[in-house]
Structure formats: structure tokens, C-alpha cells
């Protein structure tokens, strides 16, 4: 990482691991990527917003799932960090951040796939979605977030089947 990039702060963000009744995790394929990569919902924390509020807002914005269709199971004890690859620093988030520091939440989905999930949101981020086995997450994500996903799995391991 260049000295310039290393001097940049991390963007505050929230991540959501959403489990269905079968112990599978919600993942979506980003609209802005040609890679066959899948990710869990996540996004930035707005000024004056707490991480849980941001997580529920992002969940709605990215999946169409309303807050009353999920139950909070756990919160990761520590913020988890990831750095952007060198070629993306300066291109994402107006070049203000080197990566993200995320507070992760584990939720149970208590809604219905057919009527409560709708990725065709106002600012659509996912082109497709599905339920995945938690163990498969690190191999589904873009390589630079693989360690992050391993850390998320470790943080919530006591709650995963």
C-alpha cells in the first residue's frame, strides 16, 4: 500500500449476515461488477447514524427487506477492517478512504422469500440473490474481502449450524 493510501482513514460501515430458517446466508451479486462474486449486504454509516440503524437501512436499500422481517441474533464484538486493492483506492468513495471498518450484525430472516425480498430497489445494487451455505462465503466474495468474511464467520460461529 502506498504511503498516501496508508494515510487515508477507513470508512465507517455496517455489514449484515442474514440467516434463513435453514441456516443459509443471503448473498447478492453486485450490479457494478463483472466478477462472479457474491456478497452479504453492507454499506456506509451516515453522519449521526448508529451502526444498527445503518445496517437496517442498508438491508432495506439493498434487499427490500423491512426491519420488521428480521430479528437481531448477535453483534460482532469488534469492528472488522478491510483494505481496498491499490487499483481501487482513489476510485471508490471519492478517494477519501483506504477501505472500511465495519460493525457486523447477525440477523434471522422471519419473512417470506417471495413477498419480502425485492432487490429491484430504488438504487439497485444486486442483479441476483440467493441463499448460500455459510462455509462457502469466503470463496464467493471478491478476493480482497476473503479474510474479512473469514473473520465474520468466526465472530458468529457460535450461532451458525
C-alpha atoms as a PDB file:
ATOM      1  CA  UNK A   1       0.000   0.000   0.000  1.00  0.00           C
ATOM      2  CA  UNK A   2       1.324   3.430  -0.885  1.00  0.00           C
ATOM      3  CA  UNK A   3       2.101   5.959   1.837  1.00  0.00           C
ATOM      4  CA  UNK A   4      -0.724   8.148   0.523  1.00  0.00           C
ATOM      5  CA  UNK A   5      -3.252   5.309   0.788  1.00  0.00           C
ATOM      6  CA  UNK A   6      -1.946   4.247   4.210  1.00  0.00           C
ATOM      7  CA  UNK A   7      -2.634   7.771   5.483  1.00  0.00           C
ATOM      8  CA  UNK A   8      -6.313   7.573   4.498  1.00  0.00           C
ATOM      9  CA  UNK A   9      -8.933   6.646   7.127  1.00  0.00           C
ATOM     10  CA  UNK A  10     -11.324   3.700   6.993  1.00  0.00           C
ATOM     11  CA  UNK A  11     -14.941   4.368   6.002  1.00  0.00           C
ATOM     12  CA  UNK A  12     -17.346   3.551   8.863  1.00  0.00           C
ATOM     13  CA  UNK A  13     -19.779   0.894   7.699  1.00  0.00           C
ATOM     14  CA  UNK A  14     -22.184  -1.845   8.769  1.00  0.00           C
ATOM     15  CA  UNK A  15     -22.432  -5.408   7.491  1.00  0.00           C
ATOM     16  CA  UNK A  16     -25.352  -7.806   7.651  1.00  0.00           C
ATOM     17  CA  UNK A  17     -25.225 -11.596   7.825  1.00  0.00           C
ATOM     18  CA  UNK A  18     -28.838 -12.642   7.286  1.00  0.00           C
ATOM     19  CA  UNK A  19     -29.778 -16.250   8.072  1.00  0.00           C
ATOM     20  CA  UNK A  20     -32.884 -18.026   6.841  1.00  0.00           C
ATOM     21  CA  UNK A  21     -34.628 -20.854   8.691  1.00  0.00           C
ATOM     22  CA  UNK A  22     -32.294 -23.406   7.078  1.00  0.00           C
ATOM     23  CA  UNK A  23     -29.107 -21.726   8.350  1.00  0.00           C
ATOM     24  CA  UNK A  24     -28.254 -20.312   4.933  1.00  0.00           C
ATOM     25  CA  UNK A  25     -26.963 -16.770   4.365  1.00  0.00           C
ATOM     26  CA  UNK A  26     -28.349 -14.123   2.000  1.00  0.00           C
ATOM     27  CA  UNK A  27     -25.866 -13.109  -0.725  1.00  0.00           C
ATOM     28  CA  UNK A  28     -26.243 -10.825  -3.718  1.00  0.00           C
ATOM     29  CA  UNK A  29     -24.308 -10.281  -6.932  1.00  0.00           C
ATOM     30  CA  UNK A  30     -23.298  -6.635  -7.335  1.00  0.00           C
ATOM     31  CA  UNK A  31     -24.569  -4.713 -10.361  1.00  0.00           C
ATOM     32  CA  UNK A  32     -21.247  -2.866 -10.764  1.00  0.00           C
ATOM     33  CA  UNK A  33     -19.055  -5.967 -11.007  1.00  0.00           C
ATOM     34  CA  UNK A  34     -18.479  -8.359 -13.872  1.00  0.00           C
ATOM     35  CA  UNK A  35     -16.954 -10.876 -11.458  1.00  0.00           C
ATOM     36  CA  UNK A  36     -18.905 -13.967 -10.441  1.00  0.00           C
ATOM     37  CA  UNK A  37     -18.670 -12.688  -6.866  1.00  0.00           C
ATOM     38  CA  UNK A  38     -21.404 -12.692  -4.236  1.00  0.00           C
ATOM     39  CA  UNK A  39     -21.542 -10.593  -1.080  1.00  0.00           C
ATOM     40  CA  UNK A  40     -23.633 -10.014   2.010  1.00  0.00           C
ATOM     41  CA  UNK A  41     -25.457  -6.680   2.342  1.00  0.00           C
ATOM     42  CA  UNK A  42     -23.309  -3.871   3.722  1.00  0.00           C
ATOM     43  CA  UNK A  43     -22.826  -0.153   3.434  1.00  0.00           C
ATOM     44  CA  UNK A  44     -21.700   3.105   4.936  1.00  0.00           C
ATOM     45  CA  UNK A  45     -22.891   4.643   8.172  1.00  0.00           C
ATOM     46  CA  UNK A  46     -24.342   8.108   7.589  1.00  0.00           C
ATOM     47  CA  UNK A  47     -23.405  11.121   9.724  1.00  0.00           C
ATOM     48  CA  UNK A  48     -25.247  10.917  13.070  1.00  0.00           C
ATOM     49  CA  UNK A  49     -26.424   7.343  12.452  1.00  0.00           C
ATOM     50  CA  UNK A  50     -25.565   4.397  14.694  1.00  0.00           C
ATOM     51  CA  UNK A  51     -24.343   1.115  13.197  1.00  0.00           C
ATOM     52  CA  UNK A  52     -27.540  -0.868  13.863  1.00  0.00           C
ATOM     53  CA  UNK A  53     -29.719   1.810  12.252  1.00  0.00           C
ATOM     54  CA  UNK A  54     -27.341   1.862   9.273  1.00  0.00           C
ATOM     55  CA  UNK A  55     -27.455  -1.942   8.985  1.00  0.00           C
ATOM     56  CA  UNK A  56     -31.260  -1.997   8.905  1.00  0.00           C
ATOM     57  CA  UNK A  57     -31.339   0.900   6.414  1.00  0.00           C
ATOM     58  CA  UNK A  58     -28.792  -0.800   4.149  1.00  0.00           C
ATOM     59  CA  UNK A  59     -30.676  -4.093   4.377  1.00  0.00           C
ATOM     60  CA  UNK A  60     -33.812  -2.349   3.148  1.00  0.00           C
ATOM     61  CA  UNK A  61     -31.992  -0.381   0.453  1.00  0.00           C
ATOM     62  CA  UNK A  62     -30.192  -3.433  -0.937  1.00  0.00           C
ATOM     63  CA  UNK A  63     -32.717  -6.258  -0.450  1.00  0.00           C
ATOM     64  CA  UNK A  64     -36.102  -4.630   0.036  1.00  0.00           C
ATOM     65  CA  UNK A  65     -36.355  -6.477   3.375  1.00  0.00           C
ATOM     66  CA  UNK A  66     -38.094  -4.372   6.032  1.00  0.00           C
ATOM     67  CA  UNK A  67     -36.760  -4.160   9.597  1.00  0.00           C
ATOM     68  CA  UNK A  68     -39.829  -5.989  10.954  1.00  0.00           C
ATOM     69  CA  UNK A  69     -38.878  -9.061   8.877  1.00  0.00           C
ATOM     70  CA  UNK A  70     -35.627  -9.658  10.776  1.00  0.00           C
ATOM     71  CA  UNK A  71     -34.588 -10.452  14.351  1.00  0.00           C
ATOM     72  CA  UNK A  72     -31.185  -9.456  15.731  1.00  0.00           C
ATOM     73  CA  UNK A  73     -29.250 -12.527  16.912  1.00  0.00           C
ATOM     74  CA  UNK A  74     -25.782 -11.092  17.596  1.00  0.00           C
ATOM     75  CA  UNK A  75     -23.367  -8.231  17.012  1.00  0.00           C
ATOM     76  CA  UNK A  76     -19.678  -8.836  16.323  1.00  0.00           C
ATOM     77  CA  UNK A  77     -17.628  -7.834  19.359  1.00  0.00           C
ATOM     78  CA  UNK A  78     -15.080  -5.857  17.330  1.00  0.00           C
ATOM     79  CA  UNK A  79     -15.123  -3.761  14.186  1.00  0.00           C
ATOM     80  CA  UNK A  80     -13.680  -5.665  11.233  1.00  0.00           C
ATOM     81  CA  UNK A  81     -11.425  -3.942   8.693  1.00  0.00           C
ATOM     82  CA  UNK A  82     -10.562  -4.470   5.077  1.00  0.00           C
ATOM     83  CA  UNK A  83      -8.290  -2.561   2.726  1.00  0.00           C
ATOM     84  CA  UNK A  84      -9.149  -1.871  -0.887  1.00  0.00           C
ATOM     85  CA  UNK A  85      -6.749  -3.157  -3.529  1.00  0.00           C
ATOM     86  CA  UNK A  86      -4.333  -0.438  -4.678  1.00  0.00           C
ATOM     87  CA  UNK A  87      -6.116  -0.057  -8.043  1.00  0.00           C
ATOM     88  CA  UNK A  88      -9.421   0.841  -6.329  1.00  0.00           C
ATOM     89  CA  UNK A  89      -8.047   3.367  -3.829  1.00  0.00           C
ATOM     90  CA  UNK A  90      -8.891   6.780  -5.201  1.00  0.00           C
ATOM     91  CA  UNK A  91     -11.720   5.417  -7.370  1.00  0.00           C
ATOM     92  CA  UNK A  92     -14.247   4.423  -4.696  1.00  0.00           C
ATOM     93  CA  UNK A  93     -15.830   6.811  -2.166  1.00  0.00           C
ATOM     94  CA  UNK A  94     -14.308   9.842  -3.929  1.00  0.00           C
ATOM     95  CA  UNK A  95     -10.841   8.689  -2.897  1.00  0.00           C
ATOM     96  CA  UNK A  96     -11.388   9.562   0.763  1.00  0.00           C
ATOM     97  CA  UNK A  97     -10.911   6.070   2.270  1.00  0.00           C
ATOM     98  CA  UNK A  98      -8.423   3.190   2.150  1.00  0.00           C
ATOM     99  CA  UNK A  99     -11.082   0.594   2.989  1.00  0.00           C
ATOM    100  CA  UNK A 100     -13.842   0.038   5.509  1.00  0.00           C
ATOM    101  CA  UNK A 101     -14.172  -0.561   9.238  1.00  0.00           C
ATOM    102  CA  UNK A 102     -17.394  -2.464   9.657  1.00  0.00           C
ATOM    103  CA  UNK A 103     -19.676  -3.359  12.529  1.00  0.00           C
ATOM    104  CA  UNK A 104     -21.282  -6.700  11.658  1.00  0.00           C
ATOM    105  CA  UNK A 105     -24.742  -7.874  12.699  1.00  0.00           C
ATOM    106  CA  UNK A 106     -26.247 -11.345  12.526  1.00  0.00           C
ATOM    107  CA  UNK A 107     -29.989 -11.346  11.837  1.00  0.00           C
ATOM    108  CA  UNK A 108     -32.571 -14.089  11.352  1.00  0.00           C
ATOM    109  CA  UNK A 109     -34.931 -13.557   8.415  1.00  0.00           C
ATOM    110  CA  UNK A 110     -38.517 -14.125   9.546  1.00  0.00           C
ATOM    111  CA  UNK A 111     -40.153 -13.021   6.325  1.00  0.00           C
ATOM    112  CA  UNK A 112     -41.062 -14.767   3.089  1.00  0.00           C
ATOM    113  CA  UNK A 113     -38.655 -15.056   0.128  1.00  0.00           C
ATOM    114  CA  UNK A 114     -41.401 -14.371  -2.408  1.00  0.00           C
ATOM    115  CA  UNK A 115     -43.095 -11.371  -0.806  1.00  0.00           C
ATOM    116  CA  UNK A 116     -40.422  -9.769   1.411  1.00  0.00           C
ATOM    117  CA  UNK A 117     -37.242  -9.882  -0.717  1.00  0.00           C
ATOM    118  CA  UNK A 118     -37.071  -7.433  -3.620  1.00  0.00           C
ATOM    119  CA  UNK A 119     -33.622  -6.471  -4.927  1.00  0.00           C
ATOM    120  CA  UNK A 120     -35.184  -4.150  -7.547  1.00  0.00           C
ATOM    121  CA  UNK A 121     -34.889  -1.235  -5.135  1.00  0.00           C
ATOM    122  CA  UNK A 122     -34.657   2.484  -5.953  1.00  0.00           C
ATOM    123  CA  UNK A 123     -30.842   2.385  -6.071  1.00  0.00           C
ATOM    124  CA  UNK A 124     -30.452  -1.281  -7.012  1.00  0.00           C
ATOM    125  CA  UNK A 125     -27.097  -2.792  -6.000  1.00  0.00           C
ATOM    126  CA  UNK A 126     -27.659  -6.507  -6.707  1.00  0.00           C
ATOM    127  CA  UNK A 127     -28.501  -8.123 -10.049  1.00  0.00           C
ATOM    128  CA  UNK A 128     -29.238 -11.522  -8.448  1.00  0.00           C
ATOM    129  CA  UNK A 129     -29.572 -13.026  -4.979  1.00  0.00           C
ATOM    130  CA  UNK A 130     -29.668 -16.422  -3.319  1.00  0.00           C
ATOM    131  CA  UNK A 131     -29.211 -18.287  -0.047  1.00  0.00           C
ATOM    132  CA  UNK A 132     -25.749 -19.817   0.457  1.00  0.00           C
ATOM    133  CA  UNK A 133     -24.044 -22.125   2.915  1.00  0.00           C
ATOM    134  CA  UNK A 134     -22.039 -20.005   5.395  1.00  0.00           C
ATOM    135  CA  UNK A 135     -18.935 -22.163   4.834  1.00  0.00           C
ATOM    136  CA  UNK A 136     -18.937 -21.159   1.144  1.00  0.00           C
ATOM    137  CA  UNK A 137     -18.829 -17.398   1.817  1.00  0.00           C
ATOM    138  CA  UNK A 138     -15.028 -16.896   1.681  1.00  0.00           C
ATOM    139  CA  UNK A 139     -14.828 -18.489  -1.772  1.00  0.00           C
ATOM    140  CA  UNK A 140     -17.792 -16.485  -3.119  1.00  0.00           C
ATOM    141  CA  UNK A 141     -16.551 -12.990  -2.271  1.00  0.00           C
ATOM    142  CA  UNK A 142     -14.036 -10.870  -4.179  1.00  0.00           C
ATOM    143  CA  UNK A 143     -10.540 -11.985  -3.123  1.00  0.00           C
ATOM    144  CA  UNK A 144      -9.665  -8.780  -1.238  1.00  0.00           C
ATOM    145  CA  UNK A 145     -12.582  -9.361   1.167  1.00  0.00           C
ATOM    146  CA  UNK A 146     -11.886 -13.071   1.774  1.00  0.00           C
ATOM    147  CA  UNK A 147     -10.131 -12.543   5.148  1.00  0.00           C
ATOM    148  CA  UNK A 148     -12.961 -10.216   6.237  1.00  0.00           C
ATOM    149  CA  UNK A 149     -15.551 -12.917   5.523  1.00  0.00           C
ATOM    150  CA  UNK A 150     -13.495 -15.475   7.431  1.00  0.00           C
ATOM    151  CA  UNK A 151     -13.492 -13.049  10.387  1.00  0.00           C
ATOM    152  CA  UNK A 152     -17.269 -12.558  10.134  1.00  0.00           C
ATOM    153  CA  UNK A 153     -17.777 -16.330  10.164  1.00  0.00           C
ATOM    154  CA  UNK A 154     -15.521 -16.643  13.208  1.00  0.00           C
ATOM    155  CA  UNK A 155     -17.373 -13.819  15.003  1.00  0.00           C
ATOM    156  CA  UNK A 156     -20.718 -15.574  14.547  1.00  0.00           C
ATOM    157  CA  UNK A 157     -19.567 -19.222  14.661  1.00  0.00           C
ATOM    158  CA  UNK A 158     -21.437 -19.948  17.910  1.00  0.00           C
ATOM    159  CA  UNK A 159     -24.715 -19.075  16.147  1.00  0.00           C
ATOM    160  CA  UNK A 160     -24.114 -20.956  12.877  1.00  0.00           C
ATOM    161  CA  UNK A 161     -25.177 -24.587  12.436  1.00  0.00           C
END
